[in-house]
Amino acid sequence: MPYITPEGCEVDAARGCWHRTGDLGNGVQEGESVKVLRLVLGVDDLTAAHTKLMPRMLSGWTEVSTEGYPVLTMDGARTAHRKLSYTLRRTGEGYTLRWQADGPMAKLSVRMGPFRREVSKGRIDGRDVKAEAVRSGDSWWAWFRDLPHTARGELAAG
């Protein structure tokens, strides 16, 4: 991080020197920022056999993206590390998600939204697909589940 600073410093005027004190980078405050970014990106690889993308775009935003995000998945019976890049764009009342990884993910599910109305279909790589519409609070979300062995794709919904 280019903005790491110490919590303080001590100055020894007689010897003409100073040194940093406290936590360099103050991990407590940095930790909260990292948590927020992880929630916005919404990459869930807790179960390596099934990666879930659940990005959370704030209402005033038009795009969220990440490059080279580390993801655990399965490659046969072995756990594998992948680098995932994606861009989620707001398109009027809907969204378009383009993703690419440096290798296939065993299984991928994507949650899109929020929507003002129920959305039960979308298009993955130009093909019509069904979605599971889920209501939460005052919004609707569309789940596209169990996309098999995918390393790249484009999903549009809304």
N, C-alpha and C. Protein backbone atom coordinates (compact mmCIF):
# COMPACT_ATOMS: atom_id res chain seq x y z
N MET A 1 0.84 -1.18 0.00
CA MET A 1 0.00 0.00 0.00
C MET A 1 0.88 1.24 0.00
N PRO A 2 0.65 2.19 -0.85
CA PRO A 2 1.55 3.33 -0.93
C PRO A 2 1.34 4.37 0.17
N TYR A 3 0.30 4.23 1.00
CA TYR A 3 0.01 5.26 1.98
C TYR A 3 0.18 4.78 3.42
N ILE A 4 1.08 3.86 3.64
CA ILE A 4 1.30 3.34 4.99
C ILE A 4 2.07 4.39 5.80
N THR A 5 1.52 4.71 6.96
CA THR A 5 2.17 5.66 7.86
C THR A 5 2.12 5.11 9.27
N PRO A 6 3.08 5.50 10.10
CA PRO A 6 3.05 5.03 11.49
C PRO A 6 2.01 5.79 12.29
N GLU A 7 1.67 5.24 13.46
CA GLU A 7 0.73 5.93 14.34
C GLU A 7 1.37 7.16 14.96
N GLY A 8 2.67 7.20 15.06
CA GLY A 8 3.33 8.34 15.66
C GLY A 8 4.84 8.25 15.49
N CYS A 9 5.54 9.18 16.12
CA CYS A 9 7.00 9.14 16.11
C CYS A 9 7.54 9.77 17.39
N GLU A 10 8.73 9.41 17.73
CA GLU A 10 9.43 10.01 18.87
C GLU A 10 10.63 10.75 18.33
N VAL A 11 10.83 11.96 18.84
CA VAL A 11 11.93 12.81 18.40
C VAL A 11 12.92 12.96 19.55
N ASP A 12 14.18 12.72 19.26
CA ASP A 12 15.26 12.96 20.22
C ASP A 12 16.05 14.15 19.72
N ALA A 13 15.68 15.37 20.19
CA ALA A 13 16.29 16.60 19.71
C ALA A 13 17.77 16.67 20.06
N ALA A 14 18.14 16.13 21.21
CA ALA A 14 19.54 16.19 21.63
C ALA A 14 20.43 15.38 20.70
N ARG A 15 19.93 14.24 20.22
CA ARG A 15 20.73 13.39 19.34
C ARG A 15 20.43 13.67 17.87
N GLY A 16 19.39 14.47 17.60
CA GLY A 16 19.06 14.83 16.22
C GLY A 16 18.49 13.68 15.41
N CYS A 17 17.66 12.87 16.06
CA CYS A 17 17.07 11.75 15.33
C CYS A 17 15.62 11.54 15.75
N TRP A 18 14.93 10.73 14.97
CA TRP A 18 13.55 10.36 15.28
C TRP A 18 13.33 8.92 14.83
N HIS A 19 12.27 8.29 15.35
CA HIS A 19 11.89 6.94 14.89
C HIS A 19 10.39 6.76 15.00
N ARG A 20 9.91 5.86 14.19
CA ARG A 20 8.47 5.58 14.17
C ARG A 20 8.06 4.84 15.44
N THR A 21 6.80 5.08 15.86
CA THR A 21 6.24 4.33 16.98
C THR A 21 4.88 3.78 16.59
N GLY A 22 4.43 2.80 17.32
CA GLY A 22 3.11 2.24 17.08
C GLY A 22 3.10 1.28 15.90
N ASP A 23 1.91 1.06 15.41
CA ASP A 23 1.67 0.09 14.34
C ASP A 23 1.88 0.76 12.99
N LEU A 24 2.87 0.32 12.25
CA LEU A 24 3.12 0.87 10.93
C LEU A 24 2.02 0.37 9.98
N GLY A 25 1.18 1.26 9.53
CA GLY A 25 0.08 0.89 8.65
C GLY A 25 -1.23 0.73 9.37
N ASN A 26 -1.21 0.68 10.68
CA ASN A 26 -2.40 0.60 11.52
C ASN A 26 -3.40 -0.42 10.97
N GLY A 27 -3.09 -1.68 11.16
CA GLY A 27 -3.87 -2.78 10.61
C GLY A 27 -5.34 -2.78 10.97
N VAL A 28 -5.73 -2.21 12.12
CA VAL A 28 -7.14 -2.21 12.50
C VAL A 28 -7.96 -1.41 11.49
N GLN A 29 -7.53 -0.20 11.17
CA GLN A 29 -8.27 0.59 10.20
C GLN A 29 -8.15 0.00 8.79
N GLU A 30 -7.00 -0.49 8.42
CA GLU A 30 -6.83 -1.11 7.11
C GLU A 30 -7.74 -2.32 6.96
N GLY A 31 -7.89 -3.09 8.02
CA GLY A 31 -8.72 -4.29 7.98
C GLY A 31 -10.15 -3.99 7.61
N GLU A 32 -10.72 -2.93 8.17
CA GLU A 32 -12.11 -2.57 7.86
C GLU A 32 -12.27 -2.18 6.39
N SER A 33 -11.30 -1.45 5.85
CA SER A 33 -11.37 -1.08 4.43
C SER A 33 -11.31 -2.30 3.54
N VAL A 34 -10.45 -3.24 3.87
CA VAL A 34 -10.32 -4.46 3.08
C VAL A 34 -11.62 -5.26 3.15
N LYS A 35 -12.26 -5.33 4.31
CA LYS A 35 -13.54 -6.04 4.43
C LYS A 35 -14.59 -5.44 3.51
N VAL A 36 -14.68 -4.12 3.47
CA VAL A 36 -15.67 -3.45 2.61
C VAL A 36 -15.39 -3.78 1.15
N LEU A 37 -14.13 -3.70 0.73
CA LEU A 37 -13.80 -4.02 -0.66
C LEU A 37 -14.15 -5.46 -1.00
N ARG A 38 -13.88 -6.38 -0.08
CA ARG A 38 -14.22 -7.79 -0.33
C ARG A 38 -15.72 -7.98 -0.45
N LEU A 39 -16.51 -7.26 0.35
CA LEU A 39 -17.97 -7.35 0.25
C LEU A 39 -18.47 -6.81 -1.08
N VAL A 40 -17.92 -5.69 -1.53
CA VAL A 40 -18.32 -5.11 -2.82
C VAL A 40 -17.99 -6.08 -3.95
N LEU A 41 -16.78 -6.65 -3.94
CA LEU A 41 -16.39 -7.58 -5.00
C LEU A 41 -17.20 -8.86 -4.96
N GLY A 42 -17.53 -9.36 -3.76
CA GLY A 42 -18.44 -10.48 -3.61
C GLY A 42 -17.94 -11.81 -4.14
N VAL A 43 -16.66 -12.10 -4.01
CA VAL A 43 -16.13 -13.39 -4.45
C VAL A 43 -16.12 -14.33 -3.25
N ASP A 44 -16.88 -15.43 -3.35
CA ASP A 44 -16.98 -16.41 -2.27
C ASP A 44 -16.39 -17.73 -2.76
N ASP A 45 -15.20 -18.07 -2.26
CA ASP A 45 -14.57 -19.34 -2.61
C ASP A 45 -14.37 -20.20 -1.37
N LEU A 46 -15.24 -20.01 -0.37
CA LEU A 46 -15.14 -20.77 0.87
C LEU A 46 -15.21 -22.27 0.60
N THR A 47 -16.05 -22.65 -0.35
CA THR A 47 -16.11 -24.04 -0.81
C THR A 47 -15.42 -24.08 -2.17
N ALA A 48 -14.22 -24.64 -2.22
CA ALA A 48 -13.42 -24.60 -3.46
C ALA A 48 -14.13 -25.26 -4.64
N ALA A 49 -15.00 -26.21 -4.37
CA ALA A 49 -15.70 -26.91 -5.45
C ALA A 49 -16.82 -26.06 -6.06
N HIS A 50 -17.13 -24.91 -5.45
CA HIS A 50 -18.24 -24.09 -5.94
C HIS A 50 -17.97 -22.63 -5.63
N THR A 51 -17.46 -21.89 -6.61
CA THR A 51 -17.19 -20.47 -6.47
C THR A 51 -18.47 -19.69 -6.73
N LYS A 52 -18.71 -18.66 -5.90
CA LYS A 52 -19.88 -17.81 -6.07
C LYS A 52 -19.43 -16.37 -6.25
N LEU A 53 -20.01 -15.70 -7.24
CA LEU A 53 -19.80 -14.27 -7.44
C LEU A 53 -21.08 -13.56 -7.04
N MET A 54 -20.97 -12.67 -6.06
CA MET A 54 -22.12 -11.93 -5.55
C MET A 54 -21.76 -10.46 -5.37
N PRO A 55 -21.39 -9.77 -6.46
CA PRO A 55 -20.98 -8.37 -6.33
C PRO A 55 -22.12 -7.50 -5.81
N ARG A 56 -21.74 -6.46 -5.07
CA ARG A 56 -22.70 -5.53 -4.49
C ARG A 56 -22.36 -4.12 -4.98
N MET A 57 -23.04 -3.68 -6.02
CA MET A 57 -22.76 -2.37 -6.59
C MET A 57 -23.68 -1.33 -5.93
N LEU A 58 -23.09 -0.27 -5.40
CA LEU A 58 -23.88 0.79 -4.80
C LEU A 58 -24.76 1.47 -5.85
N SER A 59 -25.88 2.03 -5.42
CA SER A 59 -26.87 2.54 -6.37
C SER A 59 -26.34 3.63 -7.30
N GLY A 60 -25.39 4.43 -6.88
CA GLY A 60 -24.87 5.48 -7.74
C GLY A 60 -23.72 5.05 -8.63
N TRP A 61 -23.27 3.83 -8.49
CA TRP A 61 -22.13 3.34 -9.26
C TRP A 61 -22.59 2.78 -10.60
N THR A 62 -21.69 2.80 -11.58
CA THR A 62 -22.00 2.22 -12.89
C THR A 62 -21.11 1.03 -13.21
N GLU A 63 -20.04 0.83 -12.45
CA GLU A 63 -19.11 -0.27 -12.74
C GLU A 63 -18.32 -0.67 -11.51
N VAL A 64 -18.08 -1.97 -11.39
CA VAL A 64 -17.18 -2.55 -10.39
C VAL A 64 -16.30 -3.54 -11.14
N SER A 65 -14.99 -3.53 -10.87
CA SER A 65 -14.12 -4.49 -11.54
C SER A 65 -12.96 -4.87 -10.64
N THR A 66 -12.38 -6.01 -10.95
CA THR A 66 -11.19 -6.48 -10.26
C THR A 66 -10.33 -7.24 -11.25
N GLU A 67 -9.02 -7.24 -11.01
CA GLU A 67 -8.09 -7.98 -11.86
C GLU A 67 -7.19 -8.85 -11.01
N GLY A 68 -7.03 -10.08 -11.43
CA GLY A 68 -6.10 -10.98 -10.77
C GLY A 68 -6.48 -11.34 -9.34
N TYR A 69 -7.78 -11.36 -9.03
CA TYR A 69 -8.24 -11.67 -7.68
C TYR A 69 -8.01 -13.17 -7.42
N PRO A 70 -7.34 -13.53 -6.32
CA PRO A 70 -7.05 -14.94 -6.05
C PRO A 70 -8.30 -15.72 -5.63
N VAL A 71 -8.53 -16.85 -6.28
CA VAL A 71 -9.70 -17.68 -6.02
C VAL A 71 -9.26 -19.14 -5.89
N LEU A 72 -9.83 -19.84 -4.91
CA LEU A 72 -9.62 -21.28 -4.79
C LEU A 72 -10.72 -22.01 -5.55
N THR A 73 -10.35 -23.07 -6.24
CA THR A 73 -11.32 -23.90 -6.94
C THR A 73 -10.78 -25.33 -6.94
N MET A 74 -11.45 -26.20 -7.59
CA MET A 74 -10.99 -27.59 -7.69
C MET A 74 -10.56 -27.87 -9.13
N ASP A 75 -9.48 -28.62 -9.25
CA ASP A 75 -9.01 -29.12 -10.54
C ASP A 75 -8.91 -30.63 -10.36
N GLY A 76 -10.01 -31.31 -10.74
CA GLY A 76 -10.10 -32.73 -10.43
C GLY A 76 -10.26 -32.90 -8.92
N ALA A 77 -9.37 -33.67 -8.31
CA ALA A 77 -9.42 -33.90 -6.87
C ALA A 77 -8.52 -32.94 -6.10
N ARG A 78 -7.81 -32.07 -6.81
CA ARG A 78 -6.86 -31.14 -6.17
C ARG A 78 -7.45 -29.73 -6.06
N THR A 79 -7.07 -29.04 -4.98
CA THR A 79 -7.40 -27.63 -4.86
C THR A 79 -6.46 -26.85 -5.77
N ALA A 80 -7.02 -25.90 -6.51
CA ALA A 80 -6.22 -25.09 -7.44
C ALA A 80 -6.43 -23.61 -7.15
N HIS A 81 -5.42 -22.83 -7.44
CA HIS A 81 -5.49 -21.38 -7.31
C HIS A 81 -5.70 -20.78 -8.69
N ARG A 82 -6.65 -19.88 -8.80
CA ARG A 82 -6.90 -19.18 -10.05
C ARG A 82 -6.82 -17.68 -9.79
N LYS A 83 -6.54 -16.94 -10.85
CA LYS A 83 -6.58 -15.47 -10.82
C LYS A 83 -7.81 -15.07 -11.62
N LEU A 84 -8.76 -14.42 -10.96
CA LEU A 84 -10.03 -14.04 -11.56
C LEU A 84 -10.05 -12.54 -11.83
N SER A 85 -10.51 -12.17 -13.00
CA SER A 85 -10.75 -10.78 -13.35
C SER A 85 -12.20 -10.68 -13.80
N TYR A 86 -12.88 -9.60 -13.37
CA TYR A 86 -14.24 -9.40 -13.87
C TYR A 86 -14.57 -7.92 -13.89
N THR A 87 -15.57 -7.59 -14.72
CA THR A 87 -16.13 -6.25 -14.78
C THR A 87 -17.65 -6.39 -14.76
N LEU A 88 -18.28 -5.71 -13.83
CA LEU A 88 -19.74 -5.66 -13.74
C LEU A 88 -20.16 -4.24 -14.11
N ARG A 89 -21.03 -4.13 -15.12
CA ARG A 89 -21.50 -2.81 -15.56
C ARG A 89 -23.02 -2.72 -15.41
N ARG A 90 -23.46 -1.57 -14.97
CA ARG A 90 -24.89 -1.29 -14.92
C ARG A 90 -25.32 -0.88 -16.33
N THR A 91 -26.40 -1.47 -16.82
CA THR A 91 -26.89 -1.20 -18.17
C THR A 91 -28.38 -0.87 -18.08
N GLY A 92 -28.71 0.38 -17.81
CA GLY A 92 -30.11 0.77 -17.64
C GLY A 92 -30.69 0.11 -16.41
N GLU A 93 -31.67 -0.77 -16.60
CA GLU A 93 -32.31 -1.49 -15.50
C GLU A 93 -31.62 -2.82 -15.18
N GLY A 94 -30.53 -3.13 -15.89
CA GLY A 94 -29.88 -4.41 -15.70
C GLY A 94 -28.39 -4.30 -15.50
N TYR A 95 -27.72 -5.44 -15.69
CA TYR A 95 -26.28 -5.54 -15.47
C TYR A 95 -25.67 -6.47 -16.52
N THR A 96 -24.41 -6.24 -16.82
CA THR A 96 -23.62 -7.16 -17.63
C THR A 96 -22.35 -7.47 -16.86
N LEU A 97 -22.06 -8.75 -16.73
CA LEU A 97 -20.87 -9.22 -16.03
C LEU A 97 -20.00 -9.98 -17.02
N ARG A 98 -18.74 -9.56 -17.16
CA ARG A 98 -17.76 -10.30 -17.97
C ARG A 98 -16.67 -10.77 -17.04
N TRP A 99 -16.36 -12.07 -17.11
CA TRP A 99 -15.32 -12.60 -16.25
C TRP A 99 -14.33 -13.43 -17.05
N GLN A 100 -13.14 -13.56 -16.47
CA GLN A 100 -12.09 -14.36 -17.08
C GLN A 100 -11.15 -14.82 -15.96
N ALA A 101 -10.79 -16.09 -16.00
CA ALA A 101 -9.83 -16.64 -15.05
C ALA A 101 -8.70 -17.30 -15.83
N ASP A 102 -7.60 -17.53 -15.15
CA ASP A 102 -6.46 -18.14 -15.83
C ASP A 102 -6.57 -19.66 -15.91
N GLY A 103 -7.74 -20.17 -15.65
CA GLY A 103 -8.04 -21.59 -15.77
C GLY A 103 -9.49 -21.79 -15.37
N PRO A 104 -10.06 -22.96 -15.68
CA PRO A 104 -11.47 -23.17 -15.37
C PRO A 104 -11.73 -23.27 -13.87
N MET A 105 -12.89 -22.79 -13.47
CA MET A 105 -13.36 -22.98 -12.10
C MET A 105 -14.31 -24.17 -12.12
N ALA A 106 -14.22 -25.03 -11.12
CA ALA A 106 -14.98 -26.27 -11.12
C ALA A 106 -16.46 -26.03 -11.32
N LYS A 107 -17.02 -25.10 -10.57
CA LYS A 107 -18.43 -24.75 -10.70
C LYS A 107 -18.56 -23.29 -10.28
N LEU A 108 -19.41 -22.54 -10.96
CA LEU A 108 -19.57 -21.12 -10.69
C LEU A 108 -21.05 -20.79 -10.62
N SER A 109 -21.43 -20.02 -9.59
CA SER A 109 -22.77 -19.46 -9.50
C SER A 109 -22.62 -17.95 -9.39
N VAL A 110 -23.55 -17.22 -10.02
CA VAL A 110 -23.48 -15.76 -10.04
C VAL A 110 -24.81 -15.19 -9.57
N ARG A 111 -24.73 -14.23 -8.65
CA ARG A 111 -25.92 -13.50 -8.22
C ARG A 111 -25.84 -12.08 -8.79
N MET A 112 -26.89 -11.68 -9.50
CA MET A 112 -26.95 -10.34 -10.10
C MET A 112 -28.06 -9.54 -9.40
N GLY A 113 -27.87 -8.24 -9.34
CA GLY A 113 -28.88 -7.39 -8.75
C GLY A 113 -28.23 -6.27 -7.95
N PRO A 114 -29.04 -5.51 -7.27
CA PRO A 114 -30.48 -5.67 -7.07
C PRO A 114 -31.29 -5.12 -8.25
N PHE A 115 -32.50 -5.69 -8.37
CA PHE A 115 -33.45 -5.26 -9.37
C PHE A 115 -34.71 -4.74 -8.67
N ARG A 116 -35.44 -3.87 -9.34
CA ARG A 116 -36.69 -3.35 -8.78
C ARG A 116 -37.85 -4.32 -8.99
N ARG A 117 -37.65 -5.25 -9.93
CA ARG A 117 -38.70 -6.22 -10.26
C ARG A 117 -38.08 -7.61 -10.33
N GLU A 118 -38.94 -8.61 -10.38
CA GLU A 118 -38.47 -9.99 -10.48
C GLU A 118 -37.80 -10.22 -11.83
N VAL A 119 -36.61 -10.81 -11.79
CA VAL A 119 -35.86 -11.16 -13.01
C VAL A 119 -35.62 -12.66 -12.97
N SER A 120 -36.15 -13.38 -13.95
CA SER A 120 -36.07 -14.84 -13.93
C SER A 120 -35.34 -15.43 -15.13
N LYS A 121 -34.67 -14.56 -15.90
CA LYS A 121 -33.89 -15.07 -17.03
C LYS A 121 -32.76 -14.09 -17.33
N GLY A 122 -31.82 -14.57 -18.12
CA GLY A 122 -30.70 -13.77 -18.55
C GLY A 122 -30.09 -14.39 -19.78
N ARG A 123 -28.93 -13.90 -20.16
CA ARG A 123 -28.22 -14.44 -21.31
C ARG A 123 -26.77 -14.68 -20.91
N ILE A 124 -26.32 -15.91 -21.09
CA ILE A 124 -24.93 -16.25 -20.84
C ILE A 124 -24.29 -16.58 -22.17
N ASP A 125 -23.29 -15.80 -22.54
CA ASP A 125 -22.59 -15.98 -23.82
C ASP A 125 -23.57 -16.07 -24.98
N GLY A 126 -24.63 -15.24 -24.93
CA GLY A 126 -25.60 -15.19 -26.02
C GLY A 126 -26.72 -16.21 -25.94
N ARG A 127 -26.67 -17.12 -24.97
CA ARG A 127 -27.72 -18.14 -24.82
C ARG A 127 -28.68 -17.72 -23.72
N ASP A 128 -29.99 -17.91 -23.94
CA ASP A 128 -30.98 -17.64 -22.91
C ASP A 128 -30.86 -18.69 -21.80
N VAL A 129 -30.89 -18.22 -20.56
CA VAL A 129 -30.82 -19.12 -19.41
C VAL A 129 -31.82 -18.66 -18.35
N LYS A 130 -32.28 -19.60 -17.56
CA LYS A 130 -33.20 -19.29 -16.47
C LYS A 130 -32.41 -18.89 -15.24
N ALA A 131 -33.04 -18.05 -14.44
CA ALA A 131 -32.46 -17.63 -13.18
C ALA A 131 -33.46 -17.91 -12.06
N GLU A 132 -32.94 -18.08 -10.88
CA GLU A 132 -33.80 -18.19 -9.70
C GLU A 132 -33.97 -16.77 -9.15
N ALA A 133 -35.21 -16.27 -9.16
CA ALA A 133 -35.50 -14.93 -8.65
C ALA A 133 -35.69 -15.01 -7.14
N VAL A 134 -34.96 -14.18 -6.41
CA VAL A 134 -35.02 -14.18 -4.94
C VAL A 134 -35.30 -12.76 -4.47
N ARG A 135 -36.34 -12.63 -3.64
CA ARG A 135 -36.66 -11.31 -3.08
C ARG A 135 -35.96 -11.16 -1.73
N SER A 136 -35.36 -9.99 -1.53
CA SER A 136 -34.71 -9.68 -0.26
C SER A 136 -34.98 -8.21 0.04
N GLY A 137 -35.73 -7.95 1.09
CA GLY A 137 -36.09 -6.57 1.42
C GLY A 137 -36.95 -5.98 0.32
N ASP A 138 -36.54 -4.82 -0.19
CA ASP A 138 -37.31 -4.16 -1.24
C ASP A 138 -36.78 -4.44 -2.64
N SER A 139 -35.89 -5.43 -2.77
CA SER A 139 -35.23 -5.69 -4.05
C SER A 139 -35.34 -7.15 -4.46
N TRP A 140 -35.06 -7.37 -5.75
CA TRP A 140 -34.99 -8.72 -6.31
C TRP A 140 -33.56 -9.00 -6.74
N TRP A 141 -33.17 -10.25 -6.63
CA TRP A 141 -31.86 -10.72 -7.07
C TRP A 141 -32.08 -11.90 -7.98
N ALA A 142 -31.20 -12.10 -8.95
CA ALA A 142 -31.28 -13.23 -9.88
C ALA A 142 -30.05 -14.10 -9.69
N TRP A 143 -30.28 -15.37 -9.34
CA TRP A 143 -29.19 -16.34 -9.18
C TRP A 143 -29.08 -17.20 -10.44
N PHE A 144 -27.89 -17.25 -10.98
CA PHE A 144 -27.57 -18.15 -12.09
C PHE A 144 -26.64 -19.19 -11.50
N ARG A 145 -27.17 -20.40 -11.34
CA ARG A 145 -26.46 -21.40 -10.53
C ARG A 145 -25.76 -22.47 -11.37
N ASP A 146 -24.67 -22.94 -10.80
CA ASP A 146 -23.96 -24.13 -11.27
C ASP A 146 -23.53 -24.07 -12.73
N LEU A 147 -22.84 -23.00 -13.09
CA LEU A 147 -22.25 -22.91 -14.41
C LEU A 147 -21.00 -23.79 -14.39
N PRO A 148 -20.95 -24.84 -15.19
CA PRO A 148 -19.86 -25.81 -15.06
C PRO A 148 -18.58 -25.39 -15.76
N HIS A 149 -17.46 -25.71 -15.14
CA HIS A 149 -16.11 -25.60 -15.72
C HIS A 149 -15.93 -24.40 -16.65
N THR A 150 -16.06 -23.24 -16.08
CA THR A 150 -15.94 -22.05 -16.89
C THR A 150 -14.71 -21.24 -16.51
N ALA A 151 -13.99 -20.76 -17.51
CA ALA A 151 -12.84 -19.90 -17.28
C ALA A 151 -13.15 -18.47 -17.73
N ARG A 152 -14.19 -18.31 -18.55
CA ARG A 152 -14.57 -16.98 -19.02
C ARG A 152 -16.01 -17.00 -19.45
N GLY A 153 -16.60 -15.81 -19.47
CA GLY A 153 -17.97 -15.73 -19.95
C GLY A 153 -18.53 -14.33 -19.81
N GLU A 154 -19.75 -14.19 -20.31
CA GLU A 154 -20.48 -12.93 -20.21
C GLU A 154 -21.92 -13.26 -19.84
N LEU A 155 -22.41 -12.57 -18.83
CA LEU A 155 -23.76 -12.77 -18.33
C LEU A 155 -24.48 -11.43 -18.32
N ALA A 156 -25.66 -11.38 -18.92
CA ALA A 156 -26.47 -10.15 -18.92
C ALA A 156 -27.83 -10.48 -18.32
N ALA A 157 -28.32 -9.60 -17.46
CA ALA A 157 -29.63 -9.81 -16.84
C ALA A 157 -30.28 -8.46 -16.61
N GLY A 158 -31.61 -8.48 -16.66
CA GLY A 158 -32.35 -7.28 -16.34
C GLY A 158 -33.22 -6.85 -17.45
